[in-house]
Amino acid sequence: MIGSHLPAFSDNAHGRCEDVSNMKDNSSQPLEKERLTGVLEGLGAYLWWGMVTTFYFRWVREATPLELLAWRVLAGLPVILLILSLRSEVGKLREMLRSPKAIGLLLCSALLIMGNWLTFIYSVVEARVSEASLGYYINPLVSVGLGALFLNEKLRPLQWLAVMVAAGGVGIFTALEGSLPWISLVLAFSFALYGLIRKQVKASAEVGLAVEMILLFLPMVCLQAYLTNEGTTLFMKSNEITFGLLVGGFVTVVPLWLFARAAKKLQLTTVGLMQYIAPTAQLMVAIFYIGENPGTKWIPLTLILVALAIYSTDSIRFHRKNGNGKP
């Protein structure tokens, strides 16, 4: 408190010091409340991605992965457009749609996120969620590697060590299982490349997702029409699945909205550490709800967790040393 560091020359002077101190304490209260709100929103986003989304796709798994992918876009676009309307950001969306460069980049990111979504849906439907969680654990380290490769970002020694340890974990998985963990690698690299491209686009998460869904909308309409023609769709054939497909947009957009709000209120290091909540939640759902047995996957998973511990420790130390919020 300020008053405790100033000499009390008189009762009035001491009173003024206490007033100043109280003013400072009161001014910090909104900041603390904002941080707490940000933490709760961040927790909500990552727990939603890790648990709600996984439970959702297990619920509607009678539909094919392609139909689930199609409705993630078809039902998601109206929800994201509603959010943009409520936030008066439709103008930003129109501006983005008039930029050929932004459209080109977001078309690439849309294709990547489509592949990411389809792979994750497949992993849930086929009860291979533990492999999906492994991919999202690896993702931050893949992002670091891609940053060094494409953006000339210099890796610190501990970051190099973390990447090497994680690569060793993937190698051990391949040796033990007799095949590459393709689900893990597709999820990790598609999302890392997605983030790399989105860094080049000056758009909020919501506006960017809206453009991506607009670009994917017509292909998904064609996909749904094809599935209907082939007789493999469950839309309008099962009331429960039809309802599930229609709420898919809500399931997709809500965590992104929570994350976007949290990212504005929290430091980058906090958000970075919270991202491990989602794959941890996925792993818990895989083991305790779906009944998956990770078996020998625990060995590479342990190595990857060690790599993440090294990476996170280095990020926190770097942040504290520089105080710039950019680990």
C-alpha atoms as a PDB file:
ATOM      1  CA  MET A   1       0.000   0.000   0.000  1.00  0.00           C
ATOM      2  CA  ILE A   2       1.236   3.514  -0.834  1.00  0.00           C
ATOM      3  CA  GLY A   3       0.538   4.848   2.634  1.00  0.00           C
ATOM      4  CA  SER A   4       2.882   2.357   4.242  1.00  0.00           C
ATOM      5  CA  HIS A   5       5.820   3.749   2.235  1.00  0.00           C
ATOM      6  CA  LEU A   6       5.237   7.442   2.990  1.00  0.00           C
ATOM      7  CA  PRO A   7       6.011   9.312   6.225  1.00  0.00           C
ATOM      8  CA  ALA A   8       2.957  10.270   8.266  1.00  0.00           C
ATOM      9  CA  PHE A   9       3.773  13.954   8.816  1.00  0.00           C
ATOM     10  CA  SER A  10       0.323  14.547  10.274  1.00  0.00           C
ATOM     11  CA  ASP A  11      -3.012  12.842  10.707  1.00  0.00           C
ATOM     12  CA  ASN A  12      -4.304  14.620   7.577  1.00  0.00           C
ATOM     13  CA  ALA A  13      -1.298  13.565   5.528  1.00  0.00           C
ATOM     14  CA  HIS A  14      -1.711   9.968   6.670  1.00  0.00           C
ATOM     15  CA  GLY A  15      -5.390  10.121   5.810  1.00  0.00           C
ATOM     16  CA  ARG A  16      -4.588  11.361   2.302  1.00  0.00           C
ATOM     17  CA  CYS A  17      -2.092   8.527   1.869  1.00  0.00           C
ATOM     18  CA  GLU A  18      -4.743   6.006   2.882  1.00  0.00           C
ATOM     19  CA  ASP A  19      -7.150   7.613   0.404  1.00  0.00           C
ATOM     20  CA  VAL A  20      -4.595   7.245  -2.404  1.00  0.00           C
ATOM     21  CA  SER A  21      -3.934   3.648  -1.343  1.00  0.00           C
ATOM     22  CA  ASN A  22      -7.633   2.854  -1.320  1.00  0.00           C
ATOM     23  CA  MET A  23      -7.982   4.422  -4.764  1.00  0.00           C
ATOM     24  CA  LYS A  24      -5.223   2.159  -6.087  1.00  0.00           C
ATOM     25  CA  ASP A  25      -6.742  -0.922  -4.439  1.00  0.00           C
ATOM     26  CA  ASN A  26     -10.150  -0.076  -5.873  1.00  0.00           C
ATOM     27  CA  SER A  27      -8.722   0.501  -9.362  1.00  0.00           C
ATOM     28  CA  SER A  28      -7.045  -2.903  -9.293  1.00  0.00           C
ATOM     29  CA  GLN A  29     -10.288  -4.677  -8.440  1.00  0.00           C
ATOM     30  CA  PRO A  30     -11.745  -4.438 -11.990  1.00  0.00           C
ATOM     31  CA  LEU A  31      -8.470  -5.805 -13.397  1.00  0.00           C
ATOM     32  CA  GLU A  32      -8.509  -8.754 -10.995  1.00  0.00           C
ATOM     33  CA  LYS A  33     -12.164  -9.388 -11.795  1.00  0.00           C
ATOM     34  CA  GLU A  34     -11.381  -9.265 -15.524  1.00  0.00           C
ATOM     35  CA  ARG A  35      -8.521 -11.757 -15.093  1.00  0.00           C
ATOM     36  CA  LEU A  36     -10.758 -14.103 -13.100  1.00  0.00           C
ATOM     37  CA  THR A  37     -13.438 -13.854 -15.776  1.00  0.00           C
ATOM     38  CA  GLY A  38     -10.792 -14.568 -18.409  1.00  0.00           C
ATOM     39  CA  VAL A  39      -9.573 -17.644 -16.532  1.00  0.00           C
ATOM     40  CA  LEU A  40     -13.127 -18.972 -16.201  1.00  0.00           C
ATOM     41  CA  GLU A  41     -13.801 -18.333 -19.896  1.00  0.00           C
ATOM     42  CA  GLY A  42     -10.519 -20.019 -20.841  1.00  0.00           C
ATOM     43  CA  LEU A  43     -11.304 -23.022 -18.647  1.00  0.00           C
ATOM     44  CA  GLY A  44     -14.758 -23.177 -20.181  1.00  0.00           C
ATOM     45  CA  ALA A  45     -13.341 -23.121 -23.721  1.00  0.00           C
ATOM     46  CA  TYR A  46     -10.719 -25.828 -23.179  1.00  0.00           C
ATOM     47  CA  LEU A  47     -12.993 -28.080 -21.114  1.00  0.00           C
ATOM     48  CA  TRP A  48     -15.643 -27.692 -23.802  1.00  0.00           C
ATOM     49  CA  TRP A  49     -13.147 -28.688 -26.513  1.00  0.00           C
ATOM     50  CA  GLY A  50     -11.870 -31.559 -24.411  1.00  0.00           C
ATOM     51  CA  MET A  51     -15.102 -32.964 -22.974  1.00  0.00           C
ATOM     52  CA  VAL A  52     -18.294 -31.521 -24.477  1.00  0.00           C
ATOM     53  CA  THR A  53     -17.109 -31.872 -28.083  1.00  0.00           C
ATOM     54  CA  THR A  54     -15.909 -35.433 -27.446  1.00  0.00           C
ATOM     55  CA  PHE A  55     -19.168 -36.429 -25.727  1.00  0.00           C
ATOM     56  CA  TYR A  56     -21.115 -34.768 -28.550  1.00  0.00           C
ATOM     57  CA  PHE A  57     -19.470 -36.788 -31.318  1.00  0.00           C
ATOM     58  CA  ARG A  58     -19.874 -40.005 -29.310  1.00  0.00           C
ATOM     59  CA  TRP A  59     -23.573 -39.176 -29.013  1.00  0.00           C
ATOM     60  CA  VAL A  60     -24.101 -38.693 -32.780  1.00  0.00           C
ATOM     61  CA  ARG A  61     -21.587 -41.330 -33.915  1.00  0.00           C
ATOM     62  CA  GLU A  62     -24.279 -43.284 -35.779  1.00  0.00           C
ATOM     63  CA  ALA A  63     -23.950 -40.645 -38.501  1.00  0.00           C
ATOM     64  CA  THR A  64     -20.931 -40.962 -40.784  1.00  0.00           C
ATOM     65  CA  PRO A  65     -17.885 -38.743 -40.109  1.00  0.00           C
ATOM     66  CA  LEU A  66     -18.521 -36.980 -43.443  1.00  0.00           C
ATOM     67  CA  GLU A  67     -22.085 -36.071 -42.459  1.00  0.00           C
ATOM     68  CA  LEU A  68     -20.912 -34.860 -39.056  1.00  0.00           C
ATOM     69  CA  LEU A  69     -18.295 -32.707 -40.794  1.00  0.00           C
ATOM     70  CA  ALA A  70     -20.868 -31.271 -43.192  1.00  0.00           C
ATOM     71  CA  TRP A  71     -23.254 -30.263 -40.429  1.00  0.00           C
ATOM     72  CA  ARG A  72     -20.485 -28.758 -38.346  1.00  0.00           C
ATOM     73  CA  VAL A  73     -20.267 -26.130 -41.106  1.00  0.00           C
ATOM     74  CA  LEU A  74     -23.924 -26.019 -42.199  1.00  0.00           C
ATOM     75  CA  ALA A  75     -25.175 -25.530 -38.635  1.00  0.00           C
ATOM     76  CA  GLY A  76     -22.160 -23.533 -37.485  1.00  0.00           C
ATOM     77  CA  LEU A  77     -22.327 -20.705 -40.027  1.00  0.00           C
ATOM     78  CA  PRO A  78     -25.711 -19.309 -38.835  1.00  0.00           C
ATOM     79  CA  VAL A  79     -24.459 -19.340 -35.225  1.00  0.00           C
ATOM     80  CA  ILE A  80     -21.224 -17.476 -35.984  1.00  0.00           C
ATOM     81  CA  LEU A  81     -23.106 -14.949 -38.154  1.00  0.00           C
ATOM     82  CA  LEU A  82     -25.543 -14.354 -35.288  1.00  0.00           C
ATOM     83  CA  ILE A  83     -22.635 -13.699 -32.905  1.00  0.00           C
ATOM     84  CA  LEU A  84     -21.067 -11.239 -35.367  1.00  0.00           C
ATOM     85  CA  SER A  85     -24.418  -9.460 -35.739  1.00  0.00           C
ATOM     86  CA  LEU A  86     -24.832  -9.130 -31.974  1.00  0.00           C
ATOM     87  CA  ARG A  87     -21.282  -7.748 -31.720  1.00  0.00           C
ATOM     88  CA  SER A  88     -21.752  -5.382 -34.683  1.00  0.00           C
ATOM     89  CA  GLU A  89     -18.862  -7.010 -36.549  1.00  0.00           C
ATOM     90  CA  VAL A  90     -20.665  -7.824 -39.794  1.00  0.00           C
ATOM     91  CA  GLY A  91     -18.877  -4.836 -41.352  1.00  0.00           C
ATOM     92  CA  LYS A  92     -15.516  -6.425 -40.523  1.00  0.00           C
ATOM     93  CA  LEU A  93     -16.699  -9.624 -42.178  1.00  0.00           C
ATOM     94  CA  ARG A  94     -17.660  -7.754 -45.360  1.00  0.00           C
ATOM     95  CA  GLU A  95     -14.284  -6.007 -45.366  1.00  0.00           C
ATOM     96  CA  MET A  96     -12.483  -9.345 -45.054  1.00  0.00           C
ATOM     97  CA  LEU A  97     -14.529 -10.839 -47.896  1.00  0.00           C
ATOM     98  CA  ARG A  98     -13.392  -7.982 -50.165  1.00  0.00           C
ATOM     99  CA  SER A  99      -9.693  -8.794 -49.640  1.00  0.00           C
ATOM    100  CA  PRO A 100      -8.352 -11.308 -52.222  1.00  0.00           C
ATOM    101  CA  LYS A 101      -5.233 -11.929 -50.115  1.00  0.00           C
ATOM    102  CA  ALA A 102      -7.289 -12.654 -46.986  1.00  0.00           C
ATOM    103  CA  ILE A 103      -9.642 -14.915 -48.952  1.00  0.00           C
ATOM    104  CA  GLY A 104      -6.689 -16.880 -50.345  1.00  0.00           C
ATOM    105  CA  LEU A 105      -5.133 -17.374 -46.921  1.00  0.00           C
ATOM    106  CA  LEU A 106      -8.441 -18.223 -45.261  1.00  0.00           C
ATOM    107  CA  LEU A 107      -9.244 -20.726 -48.009  1.00  0.00           C
ATOM    108  CA  CYS A 108      -6.021 -22.544 -47.115  1.00  0.00           C
ATOM    109  CA  SER A 109      -6.813 -22.370 -43.394  1.00  0.00           C
ATOM    110  CA  ALA A 110     -10.379 -23.559 -44.085  1.00  0.00           C
ATOM    111  CA  LEU A 111      -9.090 -26.670 -45.859  1.00  0.00           C
ATOM    112  CA  LEU A 112      -6.705 -27.354 -42.971  1.00  0.00           C
ATOM    113  CA  ILE A 113      -9.355 -26.976 -40.277  1.00  0.00           C
ATOM    114  CA  MET A 114     -11.713 -29.152 -42.341  1.00  0.00           C
ATOM    115  CA  GLY A 115      -9.086 -31.911 -42.369  1.00  0.00           C
ATOM    116  CA  ASN A 116      -8.487 -31.393 -38.656  1.00  0.00           C
ATOM    117  CA  TRP A 117     -12.190 -31.628 -37.829  1.00  0.00           C
ATOM    118  CA  LEU A 118     -12.704 -34.735 -39.974  1.00  0.00           C
ATOM    119  CA  THR A 119      -9.738 -36.507 -38.375  1.00  0.00           C
ATOM    120  CA  PHE A 120     -10.926 -35.673 -34.855  1.00  0.00           C
ATOM    121  CA  ILE A 121     -14.475 -36.808 -35.649  1.00  0.00           C
ATOM    122  CA  TYR A 122     -13.084 -40.082 -37.011  1.00  0.00           C
ATOM    123  CA  SER A 123     -10.992 -40.596 -33.865  1.00  0.00           C
ATOM    124  CA  VAL A 124     -14.055 -40.180 -31.623  1.00  0.00           C
ATOM    125  CA  VAL A 125     -16.362 -42.345 -33.743  1.00  0.00           C
ATOM    126  CA  GLU A 126     -13.722 -45.107 -33.936  1.00  0.00           C
ATOM    127  CA  ALA A 127     -12.847 -44.875 -30.199  1.00  0.00           C
ATOM    128  CA  ARG A 128      -9.288 -43.653 -30.811  1.00  0.00           C
ATOM    129  CA  VAL A 129      -9.543 -40.492 -28.732  1.00  0.00           C
ATOM    130  CA  SER A 130      -6.311 -41.232 -26.849  1.00  0.00           C
ATOM    131  CA  GLU A 131      -4.444 -40.841 -30.155  1.00  0.00           C
ATOM    132  CA  ALA A 132      -6.251 -37.544 -30.744  1.00  0.00           C
ATOM    133  CA  SER A 133      -5.215 -36.281 -27.307  1.00  0.00           C
ATOM    134  CA  LEU A 134      -1.619 -37.233 -28.110  1.00  0.00           C
ATOM    135  CA  GLY A 135      -1.844 -35.061 -31.232  1.00  0.00           C
ATOM    136  CA  TYR A 136      -3.060 -32.028 -29.314  1.00  0.00           C
ATOM    137  CA  TYR A 137      -0.306 -32.510 -26.726  1.00  0.00           C
ATOM    138  CA  ILE A 138       2.256 -32.479 -29.558  1.00  0.00           C
ATOM    139  CA  ASN A 139       0.672 -29.472 -31.295  1.00  0.00           C
ATOM    140  CA  PRO A 140       2.436 -26.645 -29.349  1.00  0.00           C
ATOM    141  CA  LEU A 141       5.832 -28.191 -30.069  1.00  0.00           C
ATOM    142  CA  VAL A 142       4.996 -28.609 -33.759  1.00  0.00           C
ATOM    143  CA  SER A 143       3.956 -24.939 -33.812  1.00  0.00           C
ATOM    144  CA  VAL A 144       7.325 -23.961 -32.336  1.00  0.00           C
ATOM    145  CA  GLY A 145       9.126 -26.023 -34.982  1.00  0.00           C
ATOM    146  CA  LEU A 146       7.095 -24.512 -37.826  1.00  0.00           C
ATOM    147  CA  GLY A 147       7.753 -21.030 -36.459  1.00  0.00           C
ATOM    148  CA  ALA A 148      11.479 -21.705 -36.645  1.00  0.00           C
ATOM    149  CA  LEU A 149      11.177 -23.202 -40.126  1.00  0.00           C
ATOM    150  CA  PHE A 150       8.883 -20.691 -41.831  1.00  0.00           C
ATOM    151  CA  LEU A 151       9.036 -17.515 -39.721  1.00  0.00           C
ATOM    152  CA  ASN A 152      12.759 -17.643 -38.855  1.00  0.00           C
ATOM    153  CA  GLU A 153      11.918 -17.653 -35.159  1.00  0.00           C
ATOM    154  CA  LYS A 154      14.977 -18.634 -33.138  1.00  0.00           C
ATOM    155  CA  LEU A 155      14.446 -21.497 -30.730  1.00  0.00           C
ATOM    156  CA  ARG A 156      15.989 -21.313 -27.290  1.00  0.00           C
ATOM    157  CA  PRO A 157      18.057 -24.343 -26.176  1.00  0.00           C
ATOM    158  CA  LEU A 158      15.290 -25.731 -23.949  1.00  0.00           C
ATOM    159  CA  GLN A 159      12.780 -25.365 -26.776  1.00  0.00           C
ATOM    160  CA  TRP A 160      15.051 -27.430 -29.019  1.00  0.00           C
ATOM    161  CA  LEU A 161      15.321 -30.023 -26.255  1.00  0.00           C
ATOM    162  CA  ALA A 162      11.533 -30.156 -25.867  1.00  0.00           C
ATOM    163  CA  VAL A 163      11.040 -30.651 -29.618  1.00  0.00           C
ATOM    164  CA  MET A 164      13.661 -33.425 -29.700  1.00  0.00           C
ATOM    165  CA  VAL A 165      12.139 -35.230 -26.697  1.00  0.00           C
ATOM    166  CA  ALA A 166       8.670 -35.053 -28.291  1.00  0.00           C
ATOM    167  CA  ALA A 167      10.068 -36.369 -31.584  1.00  0.00           C
ATOM    168  CA  GLY A 168      11.601 -39.225 -29.603  1.00  0.00           C
ATOM    169  CA  GLY A 169       8.179 -39.969 -28.134  1.00  0.00           C
ATOM    170  CA  VAL A 170       6.650 -40.185 -31.618  1.00  0.00           C
ATOM    171  CA  GLY A 171       9.508 -42.462 -32.701  1.00  0.00           C
ATOM    172  CA  ILE A 172       8.941 -44.793 -29.743  1.00  0.00           C
ATOM    173  CA  PHE A 173       5.200 -44.895 -30.488  1.00  0.00           C
ATOM    174  CA  THR A 174       5.983 -45.924 -34.076  1.00  0.00           C
ATOM    175  CA  ALA A 175       8.384 -48.638 -32.919  1.00  0.00           C
ATOM    176  CA  LEU A 176       5.960 -50.057 -30.336  1.00  0.00           C
ATOM    177  CA  GLU A 177       2.800 -49.894 -32.441  1.00  0.00           C
ATOM    178  CA  GLY A 178       4.416 -50.788 -35.760  1.00  0.00           C
ATOM    179  CA  SER A 179       2.963 -47.742 -37.517  1.00  0.00           C
ATOM    180  CA  LEU A 180       3.053 -43.968 -37.381  1.00  0.00           C
ATOM    181  CA  PRO A 181       0.460 -42.353 -35.083  1.00  0.00           C
ATOM    182  CA  TRP A 182      -1.218 -40.806 -38.122  1.00  0.00           C
ATOM    183  CA  ILE A 183      -4.215 -39.450 -36.223  1.00  0.00           C
ATOM    184  CA  SER A 184      -1.916 -37.661 -33.769  1.00  0.00           C
ATOM    185  CA  LEU A 185       0.346 -36.293 -36.508  1.00  0.00           C
ATOM    186  CA  VAL A 186      -2.497 -35.127 -38.772  1.00  0.00           C
ATOM    187  CA  LEU A 187      -4.171 -33.303 -35.877  1.00  0.00           C
ATOM    188  CA  ALA A 188      -0.912 -31.752 -34.644  1.00  0.00           C
ATOM    189  CA  PHE A 189       0.391 -30.591 -38.032  1.00  0.00           C
ATOM    190  CA  SER A 190      -2.960 -29.489 -39.488  1.00  0.00           C
ATOM    191  CA  PHE A 191      -3.711 -27.324 -36.455  1.00  0.00           C
ATOM    192  CA  ALA A 192      -0.156 -25.955 -36.281  1.00  0.00           C
ATOM    193  CA  LEU A 193      -0.243 -25.043 -39.991  1.00  0.00           C
ATOM    194  CA  TYR A 194      -3.706 -23.572 -39.451  1.00  0.00           C
ATOM    195  CA  GLY A 195      -2.328 -21.327 -36.714  1.00  0.00           C
ATOM    196  CA  LEU A 196       0.651 -20.378 -38.893  1.00  0.00           C
ATOM    197  CA  ILE A 197      -1.628 -19.216 -41.713  1.00  0.00           C
ATOM    198  CA  ARG A 198      -4.080 -17.452 -39.413  1.00  0.00           C
ATOM    199  CA  LYS A 199      -1.180 -15.408 -38.026  1.00  0.00           C
ATOM    200  CA  GLN A 200      -0.910 -13.793 -41.467  1.00  0.00           C
ATOM    201  CA  VAL A 201      -4.557 -12.680 -41.445  1.00  0.00           C
ATOM    202  CA  LYS A 202      -5.562  -9.598 -39.472  1.00  0.00           C
ATOM    203  CA  ALA A 203      -8.940 -10.839 -38.319  1.00  0.00           C
ATOM    204  CA  SER A 204     -10.525 -11.846 -35.034  1.00  0.00           C
ATOM    205  CA  ALA A 205     -11.091 -15.533 -34.383  1.00  0.00           C
ATOM    206  CA  GLU A 206     -14.831 -15.129 -34.974  1.00  0.00           C
ATOM    207  CA  VAL A 207     -14.523 -13.180 -38.237  1.00  0.00           C
ATOM    208  CA  GLY A 208     -11.877 -15.585 -39.532  1.00  0.00           C
ATOM    209  CA  LEU A 209     -14.032 -18.618 -38.711  1.00  0.00           C
ATOM    210  CA  ALA A 210     -17.042 -16.994 -40.385  1.00  0.00           C
ATOM    211  CA  VAL A 211     -15.080 -16.504 -43.622  1.00  0.00           C
ATOM    212  CA  GLU A 212     -13.791 -20.089 -43.453  1.00  0.00           C
ATOM    213  CA  MET A 213     -17.316 -21.438 -42.978  1.00  0.00           C
ATOM    214  CA  ILE A 214     -18.631 -19.289 -45.844  1.00  0.00           C
ATOM    215  CA  LEU A 215     -15.919 -20.743 -48.105  1.00  0.00           C
ATOM    216  CA  LEU A 216     -16.772 -24.287 -46.984  1.00  0.00           C
ATOM    217  CA  PHE A 217     -20.548 -23.858 -47.028  1.00  0.00           C
ATOM    218  CA  LEU A 218     -21.242 -24.713 -50.688  1.00  0.00           C
ATOM    219  CA  PRO A 219     -18.900 -27.762 -50.698  1.00  0.00           C
ATOM    220  CA  MET A 220     -20.636 -29.016 -47.537  1.00  0.00           C
ATOM    221  CA  VAL A 221     -24.070 -28.519 -49.166  1.00  0.00           C
ATOM    222  CA  CYS A 222     -22.831 -30.622 -52.095  1.00  0.00           C
ATOM    223  CA  LEU A 223     -21.429 -33.234 -49.694  1.00  0.00           C
ATOM    224  CA  GLN A 224     -24.729 -33.494 -47.823  1.00  0.00           C
ATOM    225  CA  ALA A 225     -26.610 -33.752 -51.133  1.00  0.00           C
ATOM    226  CA  TYR A 226     -24.276 -36.568 -52.215  1.00  0.00           C
ATOM    227  CA  LEU A 227     -24.774 -38.449 -48.937  1.00  0.00           C
ATOM    228  CA  THR A 228     -28.546 -38.041 -49.271  1.00  0.00           C
ATOM    229  CA  ASN A 229     -28.442 -39.364 -52.838  1.00  0.00           C
ATOM    230  CA  GLU A 230     -26.347 -42.342 -51.699  1.00  0.00           C
ATOM    231  CA  GLY A 231     -28.784 -43.078 -48.886  1.00  0.00           C
ATOM    232  CA  THR A 232     -26.109 -42.843 -46.179  1.00  0.00           C
ATOM    233  CA  THR A 233     -27.461 -39.778 -44.384  1.00  0.00           C
ATOM    234  CA  LEU A 234     -29.364 -39.932 -41.098  1.00  0.00           C
ATOM    235  CA  PHE A 235     -30.625 -36.346 -41.367  1.00  0.00           C
ATOM    236  CA  MET A 236     -34.440 -36.322 -41.234  1.00  0.00           C
ATOM    237  CA  LYS A 237     -34.419 -40.112 -40.763  1.00  0.00           C
ATOM    238  CA  SER A 238     -33.628 -40.189 -37.050  1.00  0.00           C
ATOM    239  CA  ASN A 239     -35.131 -37.501 -34.835  1.00  0.00           C
ATOM    240  CA  GLU A 240     -32.347 -37.800 -32.265  1.00  0.00           C
ATOM    241  CA  ILE A 241     -29.517 -37.636 -34.812  1.00  0.00           C
ATOM    242  CA  THR A 242     -31.234 -34.825 -36.736  1.00  0.00           C
ATOM    243  CA  PHE A 243     -31.433 -32.774 -33.545  1.00  0.00           C
ATOM    244  CA  GLY A 244     -27.808 -33.637 -32.788  1.00  0.00           C
ATOM    245  CA  LEU A 245     -26.660 -32.503 -36.228  1.00  0.00           C
ATOM    246  CA  LEU A 246     -28.533 -29.205 -35.905  1.00  0.00           C
ATOM    247  CA  VAL A 247     -26.943 -28.362 -32.538  1.00  0.00           C
ATOM    248  CA  GLY A 248     -23.495 -29.138 -33.969  1.00  0.00           C
ATOM    249  CA  GLY A 249     -23.041 -25.484 -34.885  1.00  0.00           C
ATOM    250  CA  PHE A 250     -23.620 -24.425 -31.293  1.00  0.00           C
ATOM    251  CA  VAL A 251     -21.135 -27.070 -30.092  1.00  0.00           C
ATOM    252  CA  THR A 252     -18.546 -25.784 -32.593  1.00  0.00           C
ATOM    253  CA  VAL A 253     -18.855 -22.036 -32.077  1.00  0.00           C
ATOM    254  CA  VAL A 254     -19.362 -21.643 -28.304  1.00  0.00           C
ATOM    255  CA  PRO A 255     -15.825 -22.686 -27.224  1.00  0.00           C
ATOM    256  CA  LEU A 256     -14.288 -20.429 -29.876  1.00  0.00           C
ATOM    257  CA  TRP A 257     -16.334 -17.499 -28.567  1.00  0.00           C
ATOM    258  CA  LEU A 258     -15.218 -18.257 -24.988  1.00  0.00           C
ATOM    259  CA  PHE A 259     -11.587 -18.583 -26.077  1.00  0.00           C
ATOM    260  CA  ALA A 260     -11.653 -15.294 -28.006  1.00  0.00           C
ATOM    261  CA  ARG A 261     -12.971 -13.494 -24.916  1.00  0.00           C
ATOM    262  CA  ALA A 262     -10.395 -15.147 -22.638  1.00  0.00           C
ATOM    263  CA  ALA A 263      -7.470 -14.367 -24.954  1.00  0.00           C
ATOM    264  CA  LYS A 264      -8.211 -10.638 -24.682  1.00  0.00           C
ATOM    265  CA  LYS A 265      -8.022 -10.712 -20.866  1.00  0.00           C
ATOM    266  CA  LEU A 266      -5.155 -13.109 -20.140  1.00  0.00           C
ATOM    267  CA  GLN A 267      -1.424 -13.114 -20.713  1.00  0.00           C
ATOM    268  CA  LEU A 268      -0.094 -15.306 -23.498  1.00  0.00           C
ATOM    269  CA  THR A 269       1.664 -17.595 -21.023  1.00  0.00           C
ATOM    270  CA  THR A 270      -1.564 -18.248 -19.137  1.00  0.00           C
ATOM    271  CA  VAL A 271      -3.416 -19.102 -22.331  1.00  0.00           C
ATOM    272  CA  GLY A 272      -0.483 -21.260 -23.453  1.00  0.00           C
ATOM    273  CA  LEU A 273      -0.504 -23.324 -20.269  1.00  0.00           C
ATOM    274  CA  MET A 274      -4.288 -23.705 -20.321  1.00  0.00           C
ATOM    275  CA  GLN A 275      -4.211 -25.322 -23.765  1.00  0.00           C
ATOM    276  CA  TYR A 276      -3.108 -28.625 -22.190  1.00  0.00           C
ATOM    277  CA  ILE A 277      -6.483 -28.868 -20.433  1.00  0.00           C
ATOM    278  CA  ALA A 278      -8.243 -29.978 -23.641  1.00  0.00           C
ATOM    279  CA  PRO A 279      -6.073 -33.032 -24.487  1.00  0.00           C
ATOM    280  CA  THR A 280      -5.986 -34.011 -20.806  1.00  0.00           C
ATOM    281  CA  ALA A 281      -9.789 -33.932 -20.697  1.00  0.00           C
ATOM    282  CA  GLN A 282      -9.921 -35.921 -23.952  1.00  0.00           C
ATOM    283  CA  LEU A 283      -7.597 -38.547 -22.484  1.00  0.00           C
ATOM    284  CA  MET A 284      -9.756 -38.838 -19.357  1.00  0.00           C
ATOM    285  CA  VAL A 285     -12.906 -39.261 -21.466  1.00  0.00           C
ATOM    286  CA  ALA A 286     -11.121 -41.861 -23.615  1.00  0.00           C
ATOM    287  CA  ILE A 287     -10.073 -43.956 -20.615  1.00  0.00           C
ATOM    288  CA  PHE A 288     -12.944 -43.559 -18.154  1.00  0.00           C
ATOM    289  CA  TYR A 289     -15.955 -43.094 -20.457  1.00  0.00           C
ATOM    290  CA  ILE A 290     -15.162 -44.715 -23.800  1.00  0.00           C
ATOM    291  CA  GLY A 291     -13.082 -47.449 -22.173  1.00  0.00           C
ATOM    292  CA  GLU A 292      -9.975 -47.142 -24.328  1.00  0.00           C
ATOM    293  CA  ASN A 293      -6.825 -48.870 -23.105  1.00  0.00           C
ATOM    294  CA  PRO A 294      -3.798 -46.703 -24.013  1.00  0.00           C
ATOM    295  CA  GLY A 295      -1.495 -49.690 -23.388  1.00  0.00           C
ATOM    296  CA  THR A 296       2.022 -48.958 -24.630  1.00  0.00           C
ATOM    297  CA  LYS A 297       0.941 -45.414 -25.588  1.00  0.00           C
ATOM    298  CA  TRP A 298       1.743 -44.426 -21.988  1.00  0.00           C
ATOM    299  CA  ILE A 299       5.476 -44.612 -22.782  1.00  0.00           C
ATOM    300  CA  PRO A 300       5.538 -42.057 -25.643  1.00  0.00           C
ATOM    301  CA  LEU A 301       2.848 -40.022 -23.870  1.00  0.00           C
ATOM    302  CA  THR A 302       5.091 -39.732 -20.797  1.00  0.00           C
ATOM    303  CA  LEU A 303       7.970 -38.517 -22.977  1.00  0.00           C
ATOM    304  CA  ILE A 304       5.725 -35.945 -24.626  1.00  0.00           C
ATOM    305  CA  LEU A 305       4.511 -34.723 -21.218  1.00  0.00           C
ATOM    306  CA  VAL A 306       8.164 -34.342 -20.172  1.00  0.00           C
ATOM    307  CA  ALA A 307       8.762 -32.332 -23.355  1.00  0.00           C
ATOM    308  CA  LEU A 308       5.766 -30.112 -22.553  1.00  0.00           C
ATOM    309  CA  ALA A 309       7.036 -29.594 -18.997  1.00  0.00           C
ATOM    310  CA  ILE A 310      10.409 -28.462 -20.393  1.00  0.00           C
ATOM    311  CA  TYR A 311       8.720 -26.194 -22.936  1.00  0.00           C
ATOM    312  CA  SER A 312       6.312 -24.661 -20.405  1.00  0.00           C
ATOM    313  CA  THR A 313       9.044 -24.071 -17.809  1.00  0.00           C
ATOM    314  CA  ASP A 314      11.190 -22.339 -20.413  1.00  0.00           C
ATOM    315  CA  SER A 315       8.241 -20.200 -21.545  1.00  0.00           C
ATOM    316  CA  ILE A 316       7.438 -19.090 -17.986  1.00  0.00           C
ATOM    317  CA  ARG A 317      11.084 -18.265 -17.220  1.00  0.00           C
ATOM    318  CA  PHE A 318      11.419 -16.299 -20.456  1.00  0.00           C
ATOM    319  CA  HIS A 319       8.208 -14.412 -19.755  1.00  0.00           C
ATOM    320  CA  ARG A 320       9.260 -13.475 -16.214  1.00  0.00           C
ATOM    321  CA  LYS A 321      12.679 -12.367 -17.400  1.00  0.00           C
ATOM    322  CA  ASN A 322      11.371 -10.170 -20.218  1.00  0.00           C
ATOM    323  CA  GLY A 323       7.992  -9.218 -18.786  1.00  0.00           C
ATOM    324  CA  ASN A 324       6.464  -8.794 -22.233  1.00  0.00           C
ATOM    325  CA  GLY A 325       3.803 -11.482 -22.166  1.00  0.00           C
ATOM    326  CA  LYS A 326       5.228 -13.200 -25.230  1.00  0.00           C
ATOM    327  CA  PRO A 327       6.925 -16.433 -24.220  1.00  0.00           C
END
